[in-house]
């Protein structure tokens, strides 16, 4: 079985590697700065492709709403030049190889399905918490894109205060927690530092962190009833924080305890694939 070039396009860097399908591993990894222009973008990908021979094709993780039928990337991202034209066909011509593309959050979810926390599951929801909130819906181990390619865009859902989870006004992420804390205190703490302050008893930090838990818990409780998944997997850098996962699960348990309906507490677990998730997911998407 031929190996595969796998590429993760980000706003600041492009990571790449060689995927060995037979034994499910990456090798020859590297990264370069993401170019500011489309012509330079093509050149960078051609340079990466030239490093490898005898490959099946190129699997790509890329920002935006990727239309699997047309090869067009809709939506918006930090790379405006990749959007709204048949870029997949252009890449296949310029690289001389078959190309498969998928949204970066969807790739991260597929990595969990392939080798991570959901490797023995069929139906899961993936919630990635970074600067904003993204995610993916996986049914029968496949991504559900939705009619307008908005499947899994959980950051657009309304949390407490009737505001979108990814917006500044709602403390739905650690970044927003820090922004709210710093605005009130005149400090410049990071989200991680505000979490540490909360563990030390800082009352404002405790309030803001709990608000984040409450927002996420309400959204997670609601999306549980969309596909009734086996688990809801939390990704993003914060997922490695065991205290965060424990705090979120406790808030969910408290929320369910206040309700008189179905006593169903969503199973929330941390993602296992981290730095290489998008590369692995891009390979899984290519082959499946």
C-alpha atoms as a PDB file:
ATOM      1  CA  UNK A   1       0.000   0.000   0.000  1.00  0.00           C
ATOM      2  CA  UNK A   2       1.376   3.399  -0.995  1.00  0.00           C
ATOM      3  CA  UNK A   3       2.054   6.030   1.616  1.00  0.00           C
ATOM      4  CA  UNK A   4       0.361   9.427   1.690  1.00  0.00           C
ATOM      5  CA  UNK A   5       1.501  13.027   1.996  1.00  0.00           C
ATOM      6  CA  UNK A   6      -0.546  14.624   4.750  1.00  0.00           C
ATOM      7  CA  UNK A   7      -0.690  18.394   5.242  1.00  0.00           C
ATOM      8  CA  UNK A   8      -2.233  20.611   7.924  1.00  0.00           C
ATOM      9  CA  UNK A   9      -2.763  24.190   6.769  1.00  0.00           C
ATOM     10  CA  UNK A  10      -2.983  26.694   9.615  1.00  0.00           C
ATOM     11  CA  UNK A  11      -3.117  30.459   9.782  1.00  0.00           C
ATOM     12  CA  UNK A  12       0.541  30.795  10.781  1.00  0.00           C
ATOM     13  CA  UNK A  13       2.184  27.502   9.799  1.00  0.00           C
ATOM     14  CA  UNK A  14       1.772  24.536   7.470  1.00  0.00           C
ATOM     15  CA  UNK A  15       2.656  21.172   9.004  1.00  0.00           C
ATOM     16  CA  UNK A  16       3.307  18.110   6.909  1.00  0.00           C
ATOM     17  CA  UNK A  17       4.386  14.493   7.118  1.00  0.00           C
ATOM     18  CA  UNK A  18       4.363  11.104   5.433  1.00  0.00           C
ATOM     19  CA  UNK A  19       1.514   8.839   6.519  1.00  0.00           C
ATOM     20  CA  UNK A  20       2.180   5.091   6.524  1.00  0.00           C
ATOM     21  CA  UNK A  21      -1.249   3.512   6.108  1.00  0.00           C
ATOM     22  CA  UNK A  22      -0.065  -0.038   6.726  1.00  0.00           C
ATOM     23  CA  UNK A  23       1.120   0.637  10.261  1.00  0.00           C
ATOM     24  CA  UNK A  24      -0.826   3.858  10.918  1.00  0.00           C
ATOM     25  CA  UNK A  25       2.011   6.232  11.697  1.00  0.00           C
ATOM     26  CA  UNK A  26       3.604   9.509  10.635  1.00  0.00           C
ATOM     27  CA  UNK A  27       7.212  10.106   9.654  1.00  0.00           C
ATOM     28  CA  UNK A  28       9.348  12.805   8.000  1.00  0.00           C
ATOM     29  CA  UNK A  29       7.407  15.599   9.664  1.00  0.00           C
ATOM     30  CA  UNK A  30       8.142  19.288   9.310  1.00  0.00           C
ATOM     31  CA  UNK A  31       6.556  22.698   9.112  1.00  0.00           C
ATOM     32  CA  UNK A  32       6.918  25.979   7.257  1.00  0.00           C
ATOM     33  CA  UNK A  33       5.389  29.433   7.623  1.00  0.00           C
ATOM     34  CA  UNK A  34       2.034  29.917   5.928  1.00  0.00           C
ATOM     35  CA  UNK A  35       2.426  32.251   2.922  1.00  0.00           C
ATOM     36  CA  UNK A  36       0.468  35.479   2.501  1.00  0.00           C
ATOM     37  CA  UNK A  37      -0.348  34.938  -1.190  1.00  0.00           C
ATOM     38  CA  UNK A  38      -1.966  32.139  -3.214  1.00  0.00           C
ATOM     39  CA  UNK A  39       0.941  31.833  -5.649  1.00  0.00           C
ATOM     40  CA  UNK A  40       3.353  31.350  -2.759  1.00  0.00           C
ATOM     41  CA  UNK A  41       0.923  28.895  -1.161  1.00  0.00           C
ATOM     42  CA  UNK A  42       1.021  26.730  -4.284  1.00  0.00           C
ATOM     43  CA  UNK A  43       4.826  26.936  -4.331  1.00  0.00           C
ATOM     44  CA  UNK A  44       5.114  25.829  -0.704  1.00  0.00           C
ATOM     45  CA  UNK A  45       2.860  22.836  -1.297  1.00  0.00           C
ATOM     46  CA  UNK A  46       4.806  21.897  -4.432  1.00  0.00           C
ATOM     47  CA  UNK A  47       8.045  22.050  -2.436  1.00  0.00           C
ATOM     48  CA  UNK A  48       6.566  19.812   0.252  1.00  0.00           C
ATOM     49  CA  UNK A  49       5.206  17.369  -2.328  1.00  0.00           C
ATOM     50  CA  UNK A  50       8.597  17.139  -4.059  1.00  0.00           C
ATOM     51  CA  UNK A  51      10.118  15.736  -0.846  1.00  0.00           C
ATOM     52  CA  UNK A  52       8.198  12.489  -1.276  1.00  0.00           C
ATOM     53  CA  UNK A  53       7.952   9.846  -3.995  1.00  0.00           C
ATOM     54  CA  UNK A  54       5.738   6.848  -4.677  1.00  0.00           C
ATOM     55  CA  UNK A  55       2.752   8.208  -2.763  1.00  0.00           C
ATOM     56  CA  UNK A  56      -0.988   7.656  -3.189  1.00  0.00           C
ATOM     57  CA  UNK A  57      -1.851  11.334  -3.008  1.00  0.00           C
ATOM     58  CA  UNK A  58      -2.235  14.250  -0.620  1.00  0.00           C
ATOM     59  CA  UNK A  59      -4.586  14.474   2.354  1.00  0.00           C
ATOM     60  CA  UNK A  60      -5.147  18.020   3.592  1.00  0.00           C
ATOM     61  CA  UNK A  61      -6.573  19.568   6.735  1.00  0.00           C
ATOM     62  CA  UNK A  62      -7.569  23.136   5.966  1.00  0.00           C
ATOM     63  CA  UNK A  63      -9.695  25.924   7.523  1.00  0.00           C
ATOM     64  CA  UNK A  64     -13.133  26.821   6.193  1.00  0.00           C
ATOM     65  CA  UNK A  65     -16.242  24.979   5.037  1.00  0.00           C
ATOM     66  CA  UNK A  66     -14.925  22.362   2.626  1.00  0.00           C
ATOM     67  CA  UNK A  67     -17.451  21.141   0.055  1.00  0.00           C
ATOM     68  CA  UNK A  68     -16.507  17.536  -0.601  1.00  0.00           C
ATOM     69  CA  UNK A  69     -18.483  17.493  -3.864  1.00  0.00           C
ATOM     70  CA  UNK A  70     -17.078  20.621  -5.529  1.00  0.00           C
ATOM     71  CA  UNK A  71     -13.665  21.010  -3.924  1.00  0.00           C
ATOM     72  CA  UNK A  72     -14.536  24.596  -3.028  1.00  0.00           C
ATOM     73  CA  UNK A  73     -13.821  26.037   0.431  1.00  0.00           C
ATOM     74  CA  UNK A  74     -16.613  28.302   1.625  1.00  0.00           C
ATOM     75  CA  UNK A  75     -16.893  30.352   4.782  1.00  0.00           C
ATOM     76  CA  UNK A  76     -14.072  32.557   6.049  1.00  0.00           C
ATOM     77  CA  UNK A  77     -10.668  31.969   7.603  1.00  0.00           C
ATOM     78  CA  UNK A  78      -7.330  33.630   8.267  1.00  0.00           C
ATOM     79  CA  UNK A  79      -6.400  32.717   4.670  1.00  0.00           C
ATOM     80  CA  UNK A  80      -8.879  34.541   2.406  1.00  0.00           C
ATOM     81  CA  UNK A  81      -7.099  33.401  -0.757  1.00  0.00           C
ATOM     82  CA  UNK A  82      -8.165  29.746  -0.366  1.00  0.00           C
ATOM     83  CA  UNK A  83     -11.899  30.461  -0.535  1.00  0.00           C
ATOM     84  CA  UNK A  84     -14.670  30.357  -3.116  1.00  0.00           C
ATOM     85  CA  UNK A  85     -13.045  28.767  -6.154  1.00  0.00           C
ATOM     86  CA  UNK A  86     -12.280  25.110  -7.080  1.00  0.00           C
ATOM     87  CA  UNK A  87      -8.967  24.981  -5.225  1.00  0.00           C
ATOM     88  CA  UNK A  88      -8.909  21.192  -4.947  1.00  0.00           C
ATOM     89  CA  UNK A  89      -8.783  20.786  -8.734  1.00  0.00           C
ATOM     90  CA  UNK A  90      -6.070  23.443  -8.956  1.00  0.00           C
ATOM     91  CA  UNK A  91      -4.001  21.619  -6.359  1.00  0.00           C
ATOM     92  CA  UNK A  92      -4.364  18.289  -8.129  1.00  0.00           C
ATOM     93  CA  UNK A  93      -3.057  19.885 -11.319  1.00  0.00           C
ATOM     94  CA  UNK A  94      -0.154  21.672  -9.634  1.00  0.00           C
ATOM     95  CA  UNK A  95       0.875  18.690  -7.478  1.00  0.00           C
ATOM     96  CA  UNK A  96       0.133  15.997 -10.052  1.00  0.00           C
ATOM     97  CA  UNK A  97      -1.537  13.884  -7.372  1.00  0.00           C
ATOM     98  CA  UNK A  98      -5.046  13.116  -6.087  1.00  0.00           C
ATOM     99  CA  UNK A  99      -5.990  15.528  -3.296  1.00  0.00           C
ATOM    100  CA  UNK A 100      -8.607  15.125  -0.544  1.00  0.00           C
ATOM    101  CA  UNK A 101      -9.435  18.077   1.708  1.00  0.00           C
ATOM    102  CA  UNK A 102     -11.393  18.378   4.930  1.00  0.00           C
ATOM    103  CA  UNK A 103     -12.049  21.101   7.484  1.00  0.00           C
ATOM    104  CA  UNK A 104      -9.455  21.188  10.268  1.00  0.00           C
ATOM    105  CA  UNK A 105     -11.897  20.580  13.138  1.00  0.00           C
ATOM    106  CA  UNK A 106     -13.417  17.680  11.192  1.00  0.00           C
ATOM    107  CA  UNK A 107      -9.928  16.252  10.700  1.00  0.00           C
ATOM    108  CA  UNK A 108      -9.250  16.462  14.424  1.00  0.00           C
ATOM    109  CA  UNK A 109     -12.493  14.552  15.041  1.00  0.00           C
ATOM    110  CA  UNK A 110     -11.565  11.909  12.465  1.00  0.00           C
ATOM    111  CA  UNK A 111      -8.204  11.441  14.187  1.00  0.00           C
ATOM    112  CA  UNK A 112     -10.056  10.596  17.401  1.00  0.00           C
ATOM    113  CA  UNK A 113     -12.170   8.112  15.446  1.00  0.00           C
ATOM    114  CA  UNK A 114      -9.129   6.555  13.774  1.00  0.00           C
ATOM    115  CA  UNK A 115      -6.702   6.228  16.669  1.00  0.00           C
ATOM    116  CA  UNK A 116      -7.875   8.288  19.643  1.00  0.00           C
ATOM    117  CA  UNK A 117     -10.604   8.483  22.241  1.00  0.00           C
ATOM    118  CA  UNK A 118     -13.323   7.319  19.803  1.00  0.00           C
ATOM    119  CA  UNK A 119     -11.451   4.484  18.107  1.00  0.00           C
ATOM    120  CA  UNK A 120     -13.997   1.948  19.400  1.00  0.00           C
ATOM    121  CA  UNK A 121     -17.053   4.201  18.873  1.00  0.00           C
ATOM    122  CA  UNK A 122     -19.414   4.796  15.959  1.00  0.00           C
ATOM    123  CA  UNK A 123     -21.213   8.018  16.875  1.00  0.00           C
ATOM    124  CA  UNK A 124     -19.570  10.922  18.697  1.00  0.00           C
ATOM    125  CA  UNK A 125     -19.628  14.690  18.880  1.00  0.00           C
ATOM    126  CA  UNK A 126     -16.357  16.585  18.932  1.00  0.00           C
ATOM    127  CA  UNK A 127     -16.146  20.003  20.592  1.00  0.00           C
ATOM    128  CA  UNK A 128     -12.876  21.874  20.105  1.00  0.00           C
ATOM    129  CA  UNK A 129     -12.237  24.766  22.477  1.00  0.00           C
ATOM    130  CA  UNK A 130      -9.641  27.310  21.424  1.00  0.00           C
ATOM    131  CA  UNK A 131      -9.973  31.027  20.823  1.00  0.00           C
ATOM    132  CA  UNK A 132     -13.505  30.174  19.752  1.00  0.00           C
ATOM    133  CA  UNK A 133     -15.543  26.967  19.807  1.00  0.00           C
ATOM    134  CA  UNK A 134     -15.742  24.602  16.852  1.00  0.00           C
ATOM    135  CA  UNK A 135     -16.483  20.968  16.438  1.00  0.00           C
ATOM    136  CA  UNK A 136     -17.763  18.087  14.365  1.00  0.00           C
ATOM    137  CA  UNK A 137     -20.594  15.581  14.197  1.00  0.00           C
ATOM    138  CA  UNK A 138     -19.577  11.969  13.543  1.00  0.00           C
ATOM    139  CA  UNK A 139     -22.212   9.342  12.683  1.00  0.00           C
ATOM    140  CA  UNK A 140     -21.190   5.820  11.654  1.00  0.00           C
ATOM    141  CA  UNK A 141     -17.566   7.049  11.831  1.00  0.00           C
ATOM    142  CA  UNK A 142     -18.219   9.631   9.113  1.00  0.00           C
ATOM    143  CA  UNK A 143     -18.473  13.417   9.280  1.00  0.00           C
ATOM    144  CA  UNK A 144     -21.962  14.910   8.983  1.00  0.00           C
ATOM    145  CA  UNK A 145     -21.359  18.140   7.069  1.00  0.00           C
ATOM    146  CA  UNK A 146     -24.939  19.409   6.969  1.00  0.00           C
ATOM    147  CA  UNK A 147     -26.916  20.962   4.111  1.00  0.00           C
ATOM    148  CA  UNK A 148     -25.022  24.275   4.268  1.00  0.00           C
ATOM    149  CA  UNK A 149     -21.788  22.771   5.675  1.00  0.00           C
ATOM    150  CA  UNK A 150     -22.472  24.110   9.177  1.00  0.00           C
ATOM    151  CA  UNK A 151     -22.601  20.719  10.895  1.00  0.00           C
ATOM    152  CA  UNK A 152     -20.644  20.840  14.152  1.00  0.00           C
ATOM    153  CA  UNK A 153     -20.344  24.625  14.349  1.00  0.00           C
ATOM    154  CA  UNK A 154     -21.181  24.552  18.038  1.00  0.00           C
ATOM    155  CA  UNK A 155     -19.606  27.964  18.636  1.00  0.00           C
ATOM    156  CA  UNK A 156     -22.590  29.510  16.866  1.00  0.00           C
ATOM    157  CA  UNK A 157     -24.998  28.029  19.392  1.00  0.00           C
ATOM    158  CA  UNK A 158     -26.503  30.249  22.072  1.00  0.00           C
ATOM    159  CA  UNK A 159     -25.239  29.832  25.585  1.00  0.00           C
ATOM    160  CA  UNK A 160     -26.244  31.761  28.668  1.00  0.00           C
ATOM    161  CA  UNK A 161     -27.087  35.448  28.164  1.00  0.00           C
ATOM    162  CA  UNK A 162     -28.445  34.494  24.728  1.00  0.00           C
ATOM    163  CA  UNK A 163     -25.047  35.020  23.097  1.00  0.00           C
ATOM    164  CA  UNK A 164     -23.069  32.791  20.767  1.00  0.00           C
ATOM    165  CA  UNK A 165     -20.612  30.560  22.600  1.00  0.00           C
ATOM    166  CA  UNK A 166     -17.599  31.832  20.638  1.00  0.00           C
ATOM    167  CA  UNK A 167     -18.273  35.549  21.104  1.00  0.00           C
ATOM    168  CA  UNK A 168     -16.508  37.910  23.481  1.00  0.00           C
ATOM    169  CA  UNK A 169     -19.629  38.474  25.549  1.00  0.00           C
ATOM    170  CA  UNK A 170     -20.031  34.864  26.555  1.00  0.00           C
ATOM    171  CA  UNK A 171     -17.338  33.117  28.569  1.00  0.00           C
ATOM    172  CA  UNK A 172     -17.339  29.967  26.448  1.00  0.00           C
ATOM    173  CA  UNK A 173     -13.565  29.558  26.168  1.00  0.00           C
ATOM    174  CA  UNK A 174     -10.506  30.086  28.357  1.00  0.00           C
ATOM    175  CA  UNK A 175      -9.512  33.002  26.116  1.00  0.00           C
ATOM    176  CA  UNK A 176     -12.832  34.715  26.801  1.00  0.00           C
ATOM    177  CA  UNK A 177     -12.548  33.959  30.520  1.00  0.00           C
ATOM    178  CA  UNK A 178      -9.198  35.758  30.544  1.00  0.00           C
ATOM    179  CA  UNK A 179     -10.606  38.708  28.583  1.00  0.00           C
ATOM    180  CA  UNK A 180     -13.482  39.126  31.027  1.00  0.00           C
ATOM    181  CA  UNK A 181     -11.219  38.772  34.068  1.00  0.00           C
ATOM    182  CA  UNK A 182      -8.604  41.197  32.748  1.00  0.00           C
ATOM    183  CA  UNK A 183     -11.235  43.782  31.789  1.00  0.00           C
ATOM    184  CA  UNK A 184     -12.419  43.874  35.395  1.00  0.00           C
ATOM    185  CA  UNK A 185      -9.005  43.681  37.063  1.00  0.00           C
ATOM    186  CA  UNK A 186      -6.816  45.622  34.634  1.00  0.00           C
ATOM    187  CA  UNK A 187      -4.456  42.633  34.365  1.00  0.00           C
ATOM    188  CA  UNK A 188      -3.039  40.635  31.460  1.00  0.00           C
ATOM    189  CA  UNK A 189      -3.452  37.054  32.619  1.00  0.00           C
ATOM    190  CA  UNK A 190      -3.846  34.166  30.166  1.00  0.00           C
ATOM    191  CA  UNK A 191      -6.744  31.749  30.387  1.00  0.00           C
ATOM    192  CA  UNK A 192      -4.506  29.142  32.019  1.00  0.00           C
ATOM    193  CA  UNK A 193      -3.374  31.657  34.629  1.00  0.00           C
ATOM    194  CA  UNK A 194      -6.959  32.621  35.442  1.00  0.00           C
ATOM    195  CA  UNK A 195      -7.749  28.924  35.948  1.00  0.00           C
ATOM    196  CA  UNK A 196      -4.790  28.721  38.335  1.00  0.00           C
ATOM    197  CA  UNK A 197      -6.060  31.785  40.204  1.00  0.00           C
ATOM    198  CA  UNK A 198      -9.427  30.073  40.577  1.00  0.00           C
ATOM    199  CA  UNK A 199      -7.791  27.023  42.189  1.00  0.00           C
ATOM    200  CA  UNK A 200      -6.080  29.384  44.645  1.00  0.00           C
ATOM    201  CA  UNK A 201      -9.392  30.915  45.713  1.00  0.00           C
ATOM    202  CA  UNK A 202      -9.533  34.136  43.659  1.00  0.00           C
ATOM    203  CA  UNK A 203     -13.280  34.834  43.779  1.00  0.00           C
ATOM    204  CA  UNK A 204     -13.524  36.667  40.456  1.00  0.00           C
ATOM    205  CA  UNK A 205     -11.538  33.926  38.727  1.00  0.00           C
ATOM    206  CA  UNK A 206     -13.839  31.313  40.274  1.00  0.00           C
ATOM    207  CA  UNK A 207     -16.900  33.215  39.023  1.00  0.00           C
ATOM    208  CA  UNK A 208     -15.585  33.555  35.471  1.00  0.00           C
ATOM    209  CA  UNK A 209     -14.393  29.947  35.234  1.00  0.00           C
ATOM    210  CA  UNK A 210     -17.722  28.707  36.552  1.00  0.00           C
ATOM    211  CA  UNK A 211     -19.516  30.811  33.969  1.00  0.00           C
ATOM    212  CA  UNK A 212     -17.490  29.088  31.281  1.00  0.00           C
ATOM    213  CA  UNK A 213     -18.415  25.693  32.687  1.00  0.00           C
ATOM    214  CA  UNK A 214     -22.088  26.698  32.827  1.00  0.00           C
ATOM    215  CA  UNK A 215     -22.124  27.922  29.226  1.00  0.00           C
ATOM    216  CA  UNK A 216     -20.417  24.808  27.921  1.00  0.00           C
ATOM    217  CA  UNK A 217     -22.557  22.511  30.050  1.00  0.00           C
ATOM    218  CA  UNK A 218     -25.801  23.993  28.691  1.00  0.00           C
ATOM    219  CA  UNK A 219     -24.660  23.638  25.086  1.00  0.00           C
ATOM    220  CA  UNK A 220     -23.293  20.125  25.645  1.00  0.00           C
ATOM    221  CA  UNK A 221     -26.506  19.033  27.354  1.00  0.00           C
ATOM    222  CA  UNK A 222     -28.513  20.313  24.383  1.00  0.00           C
ATOM    223  CA  UNK A 223     -26.342  18.761  21.666  1.00  0.00           C
ATOM    224  CA  UNK A 224     -26.462  15.409  23.464  1.00  0.00           C
ATOM    225  CA  UNK A 225     -30.046  15.166  22.282  1.00  0.00           C
ATOM    226  CA  UNK A 226     -29.229  15.882  18.635  1.00  0.00           C
ATOM    227  CA  UNK A 227     -27.630  12.533  17.748  1.00  0.00           C
ATOM    228  CA  UNK A 228     -27.451  10.887  21.224  1.00  0.00           C
ATOM    229  CA  UNK A 229     -23.734  10.107  20.798  1.00  0.00           C
ATOM    230  CA  UNK A 230     -21.703   7.559  22.685  1.00  0.00           C
ATOM    231  CA  UNK A 231     -19.470  10.374  23.937  1.00  0.00           C
ATOM    232  CA  UNK A 232     -18.740  14.051  23.540  1.00  0.00           C
ATOM    233  CA  UNK A 233     -15.022  14.534  23.033  1.00  0.00           C
ATOM    234  CA  UNK A 234     -13.388  17.795  24.076  1.00  0.00           C
ATOM    235  CA  UNK A 235     -10.439  18.948  21.972  1.00  0.00           C
ATOM    236  CA  UNK A 236      -8.187  21.991  21.929  1.00  0.00           C
ATOM    237  CA  UNK A 237      -5.288  22.766  24.232  1.00  0.00           C
ATOM    238  CA  UNK A 238      -7.499  23.009  27.296  1.00  0.00           C
ATOM    239  CA  UNK A 239      -8.558  19.362  26.910  1.00  0.00           C
ATOM    240  CA  UNK A 240      -5.198  18.302  28.360  1.00  0.00           C
ATOM    241  CA  UNK A 241      -6.157  20.002  31.644  1.00  0.00           C
ATOM    242  CA  UNK A 242      -7.638  17.252  33.809  1.00  0.00           C
ATOM    243  CA  UNK A 243      -9.112  19.803  36.213  1.00  0.00           C
ATOM    244  CA  UNK A 244     -10.997  21.421  33.344  1.00  0.00           C
ATOM    245  CA  UNK A 245     -12.552  18.112  32.252  1.00  0.00           C
ATOM    246  CA  UNK A 246     -13.440  17.277  35.857  1.00  0.00           C
ATOM    247  CA  UNK A 247     -14.974  20.718  36.407  1.00  0.00           C
ATOM    248  CA  UNK A 248     -17.036  20.481  33.234  1.00  0.00           C
ATOM    249  CA  UNK A 249     -18.317  17.026  34.130  1.00  0.00           C
ATOM    250  CA  UNK A 250     -19.240  18.184  37.637  1.00  0.00           C
ATOM    251  CA  UNK A 251     -21.165  21.158  36.222  1.00  0.00           C
ATOM    252  CA  UNK A 252     -22.994  18.836  33.814  1.00  0.00           C
ATOM    253  CA  UNK A 253     -23.859  16.495  36.677  1.00  0.00           C
ATOM    254  CA  UNK A 254     -25.183  19.409  38.747  1.00  0.00           C
ATOM    255  CA  UNK A 255     -27.227  20.650  35.786  1.00  0.00           C
ATOM    256  CA  UNK A 256     -28.821  17.261  35.171  1.00  0.00           C
ATOM    257  CA  UNK A 257     -29.553  16.958  38.883  1.00  0.00           C
ATOM    258  CA  UNK A 258     -31.654  20.127  38.710  1.00  0.00           C
ATOM    259  CA  UNK A 259     -33.853  18.763  35.910  1.00  0.00           C
ATOM    260  CA  UNK A 260     -36.907  16.578  36.146  1.00  0.00           C
ATOM    261  CA  UNK A 261     -36.641  15.134  32.643  1.00  0.00           C
ATOM    262  CA  UNK A 262     -34.608  12.237  31.320  1.00  0.00           C
ATOM    263  CA  UNK A 263     -31.756  11.602  33.796  1.00  0.00           C
ATOM    264  CA  UNK A 264     -29.106  11.446  31.063  1.00  0.00           C
ATOM    265  CA  UNK A 265     -25.680  12.928  31.783  1.00  0.00           C
ATOM    266  CA  UNK A 266     -23.541  13.293  28.643  1.00  0.00           C
ATOM    267  CA  UNK A 267     -20.285  11.345  28.717  1.00  0.00           C
ATOM    268  CA  UNK A 268     -17.581  13.994  28.266  1.00  0.00           C
ATOM    269  CA  UNK A 269     -14.027  12.806  27.684  1.00  0.00           C
ATOM    270  CA  UNK A 270     -10.780  14.484  26.658  1.00  0.00           C
ATOM    271  CA  UNK A 271      -9.291  14.106  23.205  1.00  0.00           C
ATOM    272  CA  UNK A 272      -6.202  11.902  23.005  1.00  0.00           C
ATOM    273  CA  UNK A 273      -4.744  13.085  19.690  1.00  0.00           C
ATOM    274  CA  UNK A 274      -3.160  16.492  20.078  1.00  0.00           C
ATOM    275  CA  UNK A 275      -0.379  17.993  17.946  1.00  0.00           C
ATOM    276  CA  UNK A 276      -0.698  15.459  15.124  1.00  0.00           C
ATOM    277  CA  UNK A 277      -4.487  15.223  15.131  1.00  0.00           C
ATOM    278  CA  UNK A 278      -5.110  17.191  11.950  1.00  0.00           C
ATOM    279  CA  UNK A 279      -2.422  15.303  10.017  1.00  0.00           C
ATOM    280  CA  UNK A 280      -3.828  11.946  11.088  1.00  0.00           C
ATOM    281  CA  UNK A 281      -7.405  13.041  10.366  1.00  0.00           C
ATOM    282  CA  UNK A 282      -6.455  14.293   6.906  1.00  0.00           C
ATOM    283  CA  UNK A 283      -5.025  10.846   6.126  1.00  0.00           C
ATOM    284  CA  UNK A 284      -8.124   9.097   7.467  1.00  0.00           C
ATOM    285  CA  UNK A 285     -10.323  11.357   5.325  1.00  0.00           C
ATOM    286  CA  UNK A 286      -8.266  10.565   2.199  1.00  0.00           C
ATOM    287  CA  UNK A 287      -8.620   6.808   2.590  1.00  0.00           C
ATOM    288  CA  UNK A 288     -12.230   6.780   3.762  1.00  0.00           C
END
